[in-house]
């Protein structure tokens, strides 16, 4: 089982700046992508901003948000 990273909240009285939130990745149907584990592929289905289905040639994979390891080309 994979442990999830604890979310640290910023306290308003903290003297340190709050961490900037990473920009969310958005993928659309037909977009070419690369994945660290699966290689090159094309998005064939999208479920809002929560998951996408990608055709990698030999197989199709459903990849959920935060899309770690997947980048647009």
PDB file of N, CA and C in Angstrom:
ATOM      1  N   UNK A   1       0.842  -1.171   0.000  1.00  0.00           N
ATOM      2  CA  UNK A   1       0.000   0.000   0.000  1.00  0.00           C
ATOM      3  C   UNK A   1       0.888   1.236   0.000  1.00  0.00           C
ATOM      4  N   UNK A   2       0.502   2.224  -0.758  1.00  0.00           N
ATOM      5  CA  UNK A   2       1.289   3.448  -0.908  1.00  0.00           C
ATOM      6  C   UNK A   2       0.817   4.493   0.105  1.00  0.00           C
ATOM      7  N   UNK A   3       1.766   5.088   0.815  1.00  0.00           N
ATOM      8  CA  UNK A   3       1.411   6.138   1.768  1.00  0.00           C
ATOM      9  C   UNK A   3       1.221   7.453   1.028  1.00  0.00           C
ATOM     10  N   UNK A   4       0.203   8.191   1.426  1.00  0.00           N
ATOM     11  CA  UNK A   4      -0.015   9.497   0.828  1.00  0.00           C
ATOM     12  C   UNK A   4       0.758  10.552   1.613  1.00  0.00           C
ATOM     13  N   UNK A   5       1.149  11.577   0.914  1.00  0.00           N
ATOM     14  CA  UNK A   5       1.910  12.642   1.542  1.00  0.00           C
ATOM     15  C   UNK A   5       0.972  13.502   2.385  1.00  0.00           C
ATOM     16  N   UNK A   6       1.390  13.819   3.603  1.00  0.00           N
ATOM     17  CA  UNK A   6       0.577  14.660   4.472  1.00  0.00           C
ATOM     18  C   UNK A   6       0.535  16.080   3.930  1.00  0.00           C
ATOM     19  N   UNK A   7      -0.624  16.692   4.013  1.00  0.00           N
ATOM     20  CA  UNK A   7      -0.797  18.056   3.530  1.00  0.00           C
ATOM     21  C   UNK A   7      -0.534  19.008   4.694  1.00  0.00           C
ATOM     22  N   UNK A   8       0.416  19.890   4.504  1.00  0.00           N
ATOM     23  CA  UNK A   8       0.714  20.876   5.535  1.00  0.00           C
ATOM     24  C   UNK A   8      -0.038  22.154   5.200  1.00  0.00           C
ATOM     25  N   UNK A   9      -0.772  22.651   6.154  1.00  0.00           N
ATOM     26  CA  UNK A   9      -1.495  23.890   5.910  1.00  0.00           C
ATOM     27  C   UNK A   9      -0.674  25.061   6.421  1.00  0.00           C
ATOM     28  N   UNK A  10      -0.860  26.180   5.784  1.00  0.00           N
ATOM     29  CA  UNK A  10      -0.120  27.378   6.150  1.00  0.00           C
ATOM     30  C   UNK A  10      -0.871  28.104   7.260  1.00  0.00           C
ATOM     31  N   UNK A  11      -0.182  28.417   8.343  1.00  0.00           N
ATOM     32  CA  UNK A  11      -0.799  29.148   9.438  1.00  0.00           C
ATOM     33  C   UNK A  11      -0.721  30.645   9.166  1.00  0.00           C
ATOM     34  N   UNK A  12      -1.793  31.386   9.413  1.00  0.00           N
ATOM     35  CA  UNK A  12      -1.781  32.818   9.123  1.00  0.00           C
ATOM     36  C   UNK A  12      -0.746  33.592   9.944  1.00  0.00           C
ATOM     37  N   UNK A  13      -0.338  33.061  11.081  1.00  0.00           N
ATOM     38  CA  UNK A  13       0.638  33.757  11.929  1.00  0.00           C
ATOM     39  C   UNK A  13       2.070  33.376  11.607  1.00  0.00           C
ATOM     40  N   UNK A  14       2.278  32.518  10.621  1.00  0.00           N
ATOM     41  CA  UNK A  14       3.613  32.057  10.260  1.00  0.00           C
ATOM     42  C   UNK A  14       4.416  33.175   9.597  1.00  0.00           C
ATOM     43  N   UNK A  15       5.705  33.298   9.950  1.00  0.00           N
ATOM     44  CA  UNK A  15       6.538  34.317   9.302  1.00  0.00           C
ATOM     45  C   UNK A  15       7.008  33.897   7.906  1.00  0.00           C
ATOM     46  N   UNK A  16       6.743  32.648   7.518  1.00  0.00           N
ATOM     47  CA  UNK A  16       7.176  32.140   6.220  1.00  0.00           C
ATOM     48  C   UNK A  16       6.069  32.279   5.196  1.00  0.00           C
ATOM     49  N   UNK A  17       6.454  32.417   3.929  1.00  0.00           N
ATOM     50  CA  UNK A  17       5.478  32.533   2.853  1.00  0.00           C
ATOM     51  C   UNK A  17       4.801  31.187   2.623  1.00  0.00           C
ATOM     52  N   UNK A  18       3.561  31.246   2.180  1.00  0.00           N
ATOM     53  CA  UNK A  18       2.834  30.030   1.838  1.00  0.00           C
ATOM     54  C   UNK A  18       3.401  29.476   0.539  1.00  0.00           C
ATOM     55  N   UNK A  19       3.432  28.140   0.414  1.00  0.00           N
ATOM     56  CA  UNK A  19       3.921  27.518  -0.817  1.00  0.00           C
ATOM     57  C   UNK A  19       2.945  27.773  -1.952  1.00  0.00           C
ATOM     58  N   UNK A  20       3.495  28.062  -3.102  1.00  0.00           N
ATOM     59  CA  UNK A  20       2.655  28.255  -4.280  1.00  0.00           C
ATOM     60  C   UNK A  20       2.142  26.899  -4.746  1.00  0.00           C
ATOM     61  N   UNK A  21       0.884  26.864  -5.123  1.00  0.00           N
ATOM     62  CA  UNK A  21       0.286  25.619  -5.583  1.00  0.00           C
ATOM     63  C   UNK A  21       0.763  25.324  -7.003  1.00  0.00           C
ATOM     64  N   UNK A  22       1.103  24.082  -7.270  1.00  0.00           N
ATOM     65  CA  UNK A  22       1.566  23.697  -8.607  1.00  0.00           C
ATOM     66  C   UNK A  22       0.416  23.838  -9.604  1.00  0.00           C
ATOM     67  N   UNK A  23       0.696  24.288 -10.828  1.00  0.00           N
ATOM     68  CA  UNK A  23      -0.370  24.416 -11.820  1.00  0.00           C
ATOM     69  C   UNK A  23      -0.929  23.045 -12.179  1.00  0.00           C
ATOM     70  N   UNK A  24      -2.232  22.988 -12.341  1.00  0.00           N
ATOM     71  CA  UNK A  24      -2.889  21.725 -12.672  1.00  0.00           C
ATOM     72  C   UNK A  24      -2.686  21.402 -14.142  1.00  0.00           C
ATOM     73  N   UNK A  25      -2.525  20.127 -14.429  1.00  0.00           N
ATOM     74  CA  UNK A  25      -2.361  19.693 -15.814  1.00  0.00           C
ATOM     75  C   UNK A  25      -3.737  19.420 -16.410  1.00  0.00           C
ATOM     76  N   UNK A  26      -3.938  19.863 -17.645  1.00  0.00           N
ATOM     77  CA  UNK A  26      -5.185  19.631 -18.367  1.00  0.00           C
ATOM     78  C   UNK A  26      -4.858  18.949 -19.681  1.00  0.00           C
ATOM     79  N   UNK A  27      -5.574  17.876 -19.994  1.00  0.00           N
ATOM     80  CA  UNK A  27      -5.370  17.152 -21.241  1.00  0.00           C
ATOM     81  C   UNK A  27      -6.699  17.069 -21.978  1.00  0.00           C
ATOM     82  N   UNK A  28      -6.646  17.201 -23.300  1.00  0.00           N
ATOM     83  CA  UNK A  28      -7.849  17.120 -24.114  1.00  0.00           C
ATOM     84  C   UNK A  28      -7.753  15.926 -25.058  1.00  0.00           C
ATOM     85  N   UNK A  29      -8.899  15.481 -25.532  1.00  0.00           N
ATOM     86  CA  UNK A  29      -8.965  14.330 -26.433  1.00  0.00           C
ATOM     87  C   UNK A  29      -8.200  14.650 -27.707  1.00  0.00           C
ATOM     88  N   UNK A  30      -7.357  13.715 -28.143  1.00  0.00           N
ATOM     89  CA  UNK A  30      -6.563  13.880 -29.356  1.00  0.00           C
ATOM     90  C   UNK A  30      -5.169  14.411 -29.095  1.00  0.00           C
ATOM     91  N   UNK A  31      -4.903  14.850 -27.887  1.00  0.00           N
ATOM     92  CA  UNK A  31      -3.590  15.417 -27.556  1.00  0.00           C
ATOM     93  C   UNK A  31      -2.540  14.316 -27.418  1.00  0.00           C
ATOM     94  N   UNK A  32      -1.356  14.568 -27.953  1.00  0.00           N
ATOM     95  CA  UNK A  32      -0.231  13.629 -27.837  1.00  0.00           C
ATOM     96  C   UNK A  32       0.448  13.839 -26.491  1.00  0.00           C
ATOM     97  N   UNK A  33       0.798  12.733 -25.814  1.00  0.00           N
ATOM     98  CA  UNK A  33       1.431  12.813 -24.496  1.00  0.00           C
ATOM     99  C   UNK A  33       2.564  11.799 -24.411  1.00  0.00           C
ATOM    100  N   UNK A  34       3.406  11.976 -23.407  1.00  0.00           N
ATOM    101  CA  UNK A  34       4.421  10.989 -23.085  1.00  0.00           C
ATOM    102  C   UNK A  34       4.292  10.661 -21.608  1.00  0.00           C
ATOM    103  N   UNK A  35       4.531   9.401 -21.274  1.00  0.00           N
ATOM    104  CA  UNK A  35       4.435   8.944 -19.894  1.00  0.00           C
ATOM    105  C   UNK A  35       5.730   8.242 -19.535  1.00  0.00           C
ATOM    106  N   UNK A  36       6.203   8.459 -18.317  1.00  0.00           N
ATOM    107  CA  UNK A  36       7.471   7.875 -17.878  1.00  0.00           C
ATOM    108  C   UNK A  36       7.467   6.349 -17.936  1.00  0.00           C
ATOM    109  N   UNK A  37       6.352   5.721 -17.651  1.00  0.00           N
ATOM    110  CA  UNK A  37       6.294   4.259 -17.609  1.00  0.00           C
ATOM    111  C   UNK A  37       5.785   3.641 -18.909  1.00  0.00           C
ATOM    112  N   UNK A  38       4.859   4.323 -19.627  1.00  0.00           N
ATOM    113  CA  UNK A  38       4.202   3.723 -20.783  1.00  0.00           C
ATOM    114  C   UNK A  38       4.722   4.230 -22.127  1.00  0.00           C
ATOM    115  N   UNK A  39       5.382   5.369 -22.164  1.00  0.00           N
ATOM    116  CA  UNK A  39       5.921   5.895 -23.416  1.00  0.00           C
ATOM    117  C   UNK A  39       4.991   6.893 -24.085  1.00  0.00           C
ATOM    118  N   UNK A  40       5.033   6.928 -25.430  1.00  0.00           N
ATOM    119  CA  UNK A  40       4.242   7.877 -26.211  1.00  0.00           C
ATOM    120  C   UNK A  40       2.816   7.389 -26.378  1.00  0.00           C
ATOM    121  N   UNK A  41       1.869   8.329 -26.362  1.00  0.00           N
ATOM    122  CA  UNK A  41       0.475   7.949 -26.533  1.00  0.00           C
ATOM    123  C   UNK A  41      -0.373   9.123 -26.956  1.00  0.00           C
ATOM    124  N   UNK A  42      -1.674   8.837 -27.144  1.00  0.00           N
ATOM    125  CA  UNK A  42      -2.642   9.861 -27.538  1.00  0.00           C
ATOM    126  C   UNK A  42      -3.860   9.723 -26.626  1.00  0.00           C
ATOM    127  N   UNK A  43      -4.345  10.853 -26.121  1.00  0.00           N
ATOM    128  CA  UNK A  43      -5.521  10.865 -25.240  1.00  0.00           C
ATOM    129  C   UNK A  43      -6.749  10.527 -26.081  1.00  0.00           C
ATOM    130  N   UNK A  44      -7.485   9.481 -25.675  1.00  0.00           N
ATOM    131  CA  UNK A  44      -8.675   9.057 -26.408  1.00  0.00           C
ATOM    132  C   UNK A  44      -9.954   9.299 -25.621  1.00  0.00           C
ATOM    133  N   UNK A  45      -9.840   9.607 -24.339  1.00  0.00           N
ATOM    134  CA  UNK A  45     -11.016   9.874 -23.528  1.00  0.00           C
ATOM    135  C   UNK A  45     -10.650  10.730 -22.334  1.00  0.00           C
ATOM    136  N   UNK A  46     -11.589  11.579 -21.912  1.00  0.00           N
ATOM    137  CA  UNK A  46     -11.352  12.440 -20.760  1.00  0.00           C
ATOM    138  C   UNK A  46     -12.573  12.407 -19.858  1.00  0.00           C
ATOM    139  N   UNK A  47     -12.346  12.300 -18.569  1.00  0.00           N
ATOM    140  CA  UNK A  47     -13.412  12.314 -17.567  1.00  0.00           C
ATOM    141  C   UNK A  47     -13.277  13.599 -16.754  1.00  0.00           C
ATOM    142  N   UNK A  48     -13.614  14.708 -17.380  1.00  0.00           N
ATOM    143  CA  UNK A  48     -13.458  16.006 -16.723  1.00  0.00           C
ATOM    144  C   UNK A  48     -11.987  16.277 -16.468  1.00  0.00           C
ATOM    145  N   UNK A  49     -11.658  16.739 -15.264  1.00  0.00           N
ATOM    146  CA  UNK A  49     -10.268  16.976 -14.892  1.00  0.00           C
ATOM    147  C   UNK A  49      -9.746  15.893 -13.961  1.00  0.00           C
ATOM    148  N   UNK A  50     -10.509  14.795 -13.799  1.00  0.00           N
ATOM    149  CA  UNK A  50     -10.115  13.782 -12.823  1.00  0.00           C
ATOM    150  C   UNK A  50      -9.348  12.610 -13.418  1.00  0.00           C
ATOM    151  N   UNK A  51      -9.574  12.259 -14.681  1.00  0.00           N
ATOM    152  CA  UNK A  51      -8.886  11.118 -15.289  1.00  0.00           C
ATOM    153  C   UNK A  51      -8.942  11.213 -16.809  1.00  0.00           C
ATOM    154  N   UNK A  52      -7.972  10.562 -17.453  1.00  0.00           N
ATOM    155  CA  UNK A  52      -7.951  10.470 -18.912  1.00  0.00           C
ATOM    156  C   UNK A  52      -7.620   9.032 -19.306  1.00  0.00           C
ATOM    157  N   UNK A  53      -8.100   8.639 -20.481  1.00  0.00           N
ATOM    158  CA  UNK A  53      -7.754   7.347 -21.052  1.00  0.00           C
ATOM    159  C   UNK A  53      -6.789   7.612 -22.192  1.00  0.00           C
ATOM    160  N   UNK A  54      -5.635   6.935 -22.150  1.00  0.00           N
ATOM    161  CA  UNK A  54      -4.588   7.176 -23.135  1.00  0.00           C
ATOM    162  C   UNK A  54      -4.299   5.885 -23.885  1.00  0.00           C
ATOM    163  N   UNK A  55      -4.231   5.978 -25.228  1.00  0.00           N
ATOM    164  CA  UNK A  55      -3.882   4.847 -26.082  1.00  0.00           C
ATOM    165  C   UNK A  55      -2.370   4.888 -26.321  1.00  0.00           C
ATOM    166  N   UNK A  56      -1.663   3.870 -25.809  1.00  0.00           N
ATOM    167  CA  UNK A  56      -0.217   3.798 -25.967  1.00  0.00           C
ATOM    168  C   UNK A  56       0.186   2.826 -27.073  1.00  0.00           C
ATOM    169  N   UNK A  57      -0.731   2.505 -27.963  1.00  0.00           N
ATOM    170  CA  UNK A  57      -0.429   1.605 -29.082  1.00  0.00           C
ATOM    171  C   UNK A  57      -0.733   0.165 -28.723  1.00  0.00           C
ATOM    172  N   UNK A  58       0.029  -0.411 -27.820  1.00  0.00           N
ATOM    173  CA  UNK A  58      -0.183  -1.805 -27.445  1.00  0.00           C
ATOM    174  C   UNK A  58      -1.275  -1.970 -26.405  1.00  0.00           C
ATOM    175  N   UNK A  59      -1.621  -0.895 -25.708  1.00  0.00           N
ATOM    176  CA  UNK A  59      -2.685  -0.977 -24.707  1.00  0.00           C
ATOM    177  C   UNK A  59      -3.198   0.413 -24.364  1.00  0.00           C
ATOM    178  N   UNK A  60      -4.379   0.429 -23.729  1.00  0.00           N
ATOM    179  CA  UNK A  60      -4.963   1.677 -23.247  1.00  0.00           C
ATOM    180  C   UNK A  60      -4.902   1.695 -21.728  1.00  0.00           C
ATOM    181  N   UNK A  61      -4.567   2.840 -21.176  1.00  0.00           N
ATOM    182  CA  UNK A  61      -4.464   2.987 -19.728  1.00  0.00           C
ATOM    183  C   UNK A  61      -5.313   4.166 -19.272  1.00  0.00           C
ATOM    184  N   UNK A  62      -5.978   3.998 -18.136  1.00  0.00           N
ATOM    185  CA  UNK A  62      -6.707   5.096 -17.499  1.00  0.00           C
ATOM    186  C   UNK A  62      -5.776   5.701 -16.462  1.00  0.00           C
ATOM    187  N   UNK A  63      -5.475   6.984 -16.614  1.00  0.00           N
ATOM    188  CA  UNK A  63      -4.540   7.657 -15.724  1.00  0.00           C
ATOM    189  C   UNK A  63      -5.304   8.745 -14.985  1.00  0.00           C
ATOM    190  N   UNK A  64      -5.201   8.716 -13.659  1.00  0.00           N
ATOM    191  CA  UNK A  64      -5.951   9.657 -12.830  1.00  0.00           C
ATOM    192  C   UNK A  64      -5.100  10.852 -12.441  1.00  0.00           C
ATOM    193  N   UNK A  65      -5.768  11.933 -12.089  1.00  0.00           N
ATOM    194  CA  UNK A  65      -5.126  13.159 -11.656  1.00  0.00           C
ATOM    195  C   UNK A  65      -4.370  12.886 -10.366  1.00  0.00           C
ATOM    196  N   UNK A  66      -3.163  13.287 -10.154  1.00  0.00           N
ATOM    197  CA  UNK A  66      -2.415  14.437 -10.633  1.00  0.00           C
ATOM    198  C   UNK A  66      -1.535  14.153 -11.836  1.00  0.00           C
ATOM    199  N   UNK A  67      -1.750  13.053 -12.544  1.00  0.00           N
ATOM    200  CA  UNK A  67      -1.024  12.735 -13.787  1.00  0.00           C
ATOM    201  C   UNK A  67       0.491  12.745 -13.604  1.00  0.00           C
ATOM    202  N   UNK A  68       0.968  12.152 -12.529  1.00  0.00           N
ATOM    203  CA  UNK A  68       2.417  12.120 -12.289  1.00  0.00           C
ATOM    204  C   UNK A  68       3.096  11.314 -13.388  1.00  0.00           C
ATOM    205  N   UNK A  69       4.144  11.861 -13.936  1.00  0.00           N
ATOM    206  CA  UNK A  69       4.904  11.192 -14.979  1.00  0.00           C
ATOM    207  C   UNK A  69       4.350  11.360 -16.378  1.00  0.00           C
ATOM    208  N   UNK A  70       3.259  12.113 -16.540  1.00  0.00           N
ATOM    209  CA  UNK A  70       2.665  12.300 -17.869  1.00  0.00           C
ATOM    210  C   UNK A  70       2.791  13.766 -18.258  1.00  0.00           C
ATOM    211  N   UNK A  71       3.258  13.995 -19.501  1.00  0.00           N
ATOM    212  CA  UNK A  71       3.511  15.355 -19.974  1.00  0.00           C
ATOM    213  C   UNK A  71       2.975  15.513 -21.394  1.00  0.00           C
ATOM    214  N   UNK A  72       2.454  16.699 -21.739  1.00  0.00           N
ATOM    215  CA  UNK A  72       2.003  16.933 -23.115  1.00  0.00           C
ATOM    216  C   UNK A  72       3.189  17.119 -24.059  1.00  0.00           C
ATOM    217  N   UNK A  73       2.994  16.783 -25.312  1.00  0.00           N
ATOM    218  CA  UNK A  73       4.044  16.984 -26.325  1.00  0.00           C
ATOM    219  C   UNK A  73       3.734  18.195 -27.169  1.00  0.00           C
TER     220      UNK A  73
END
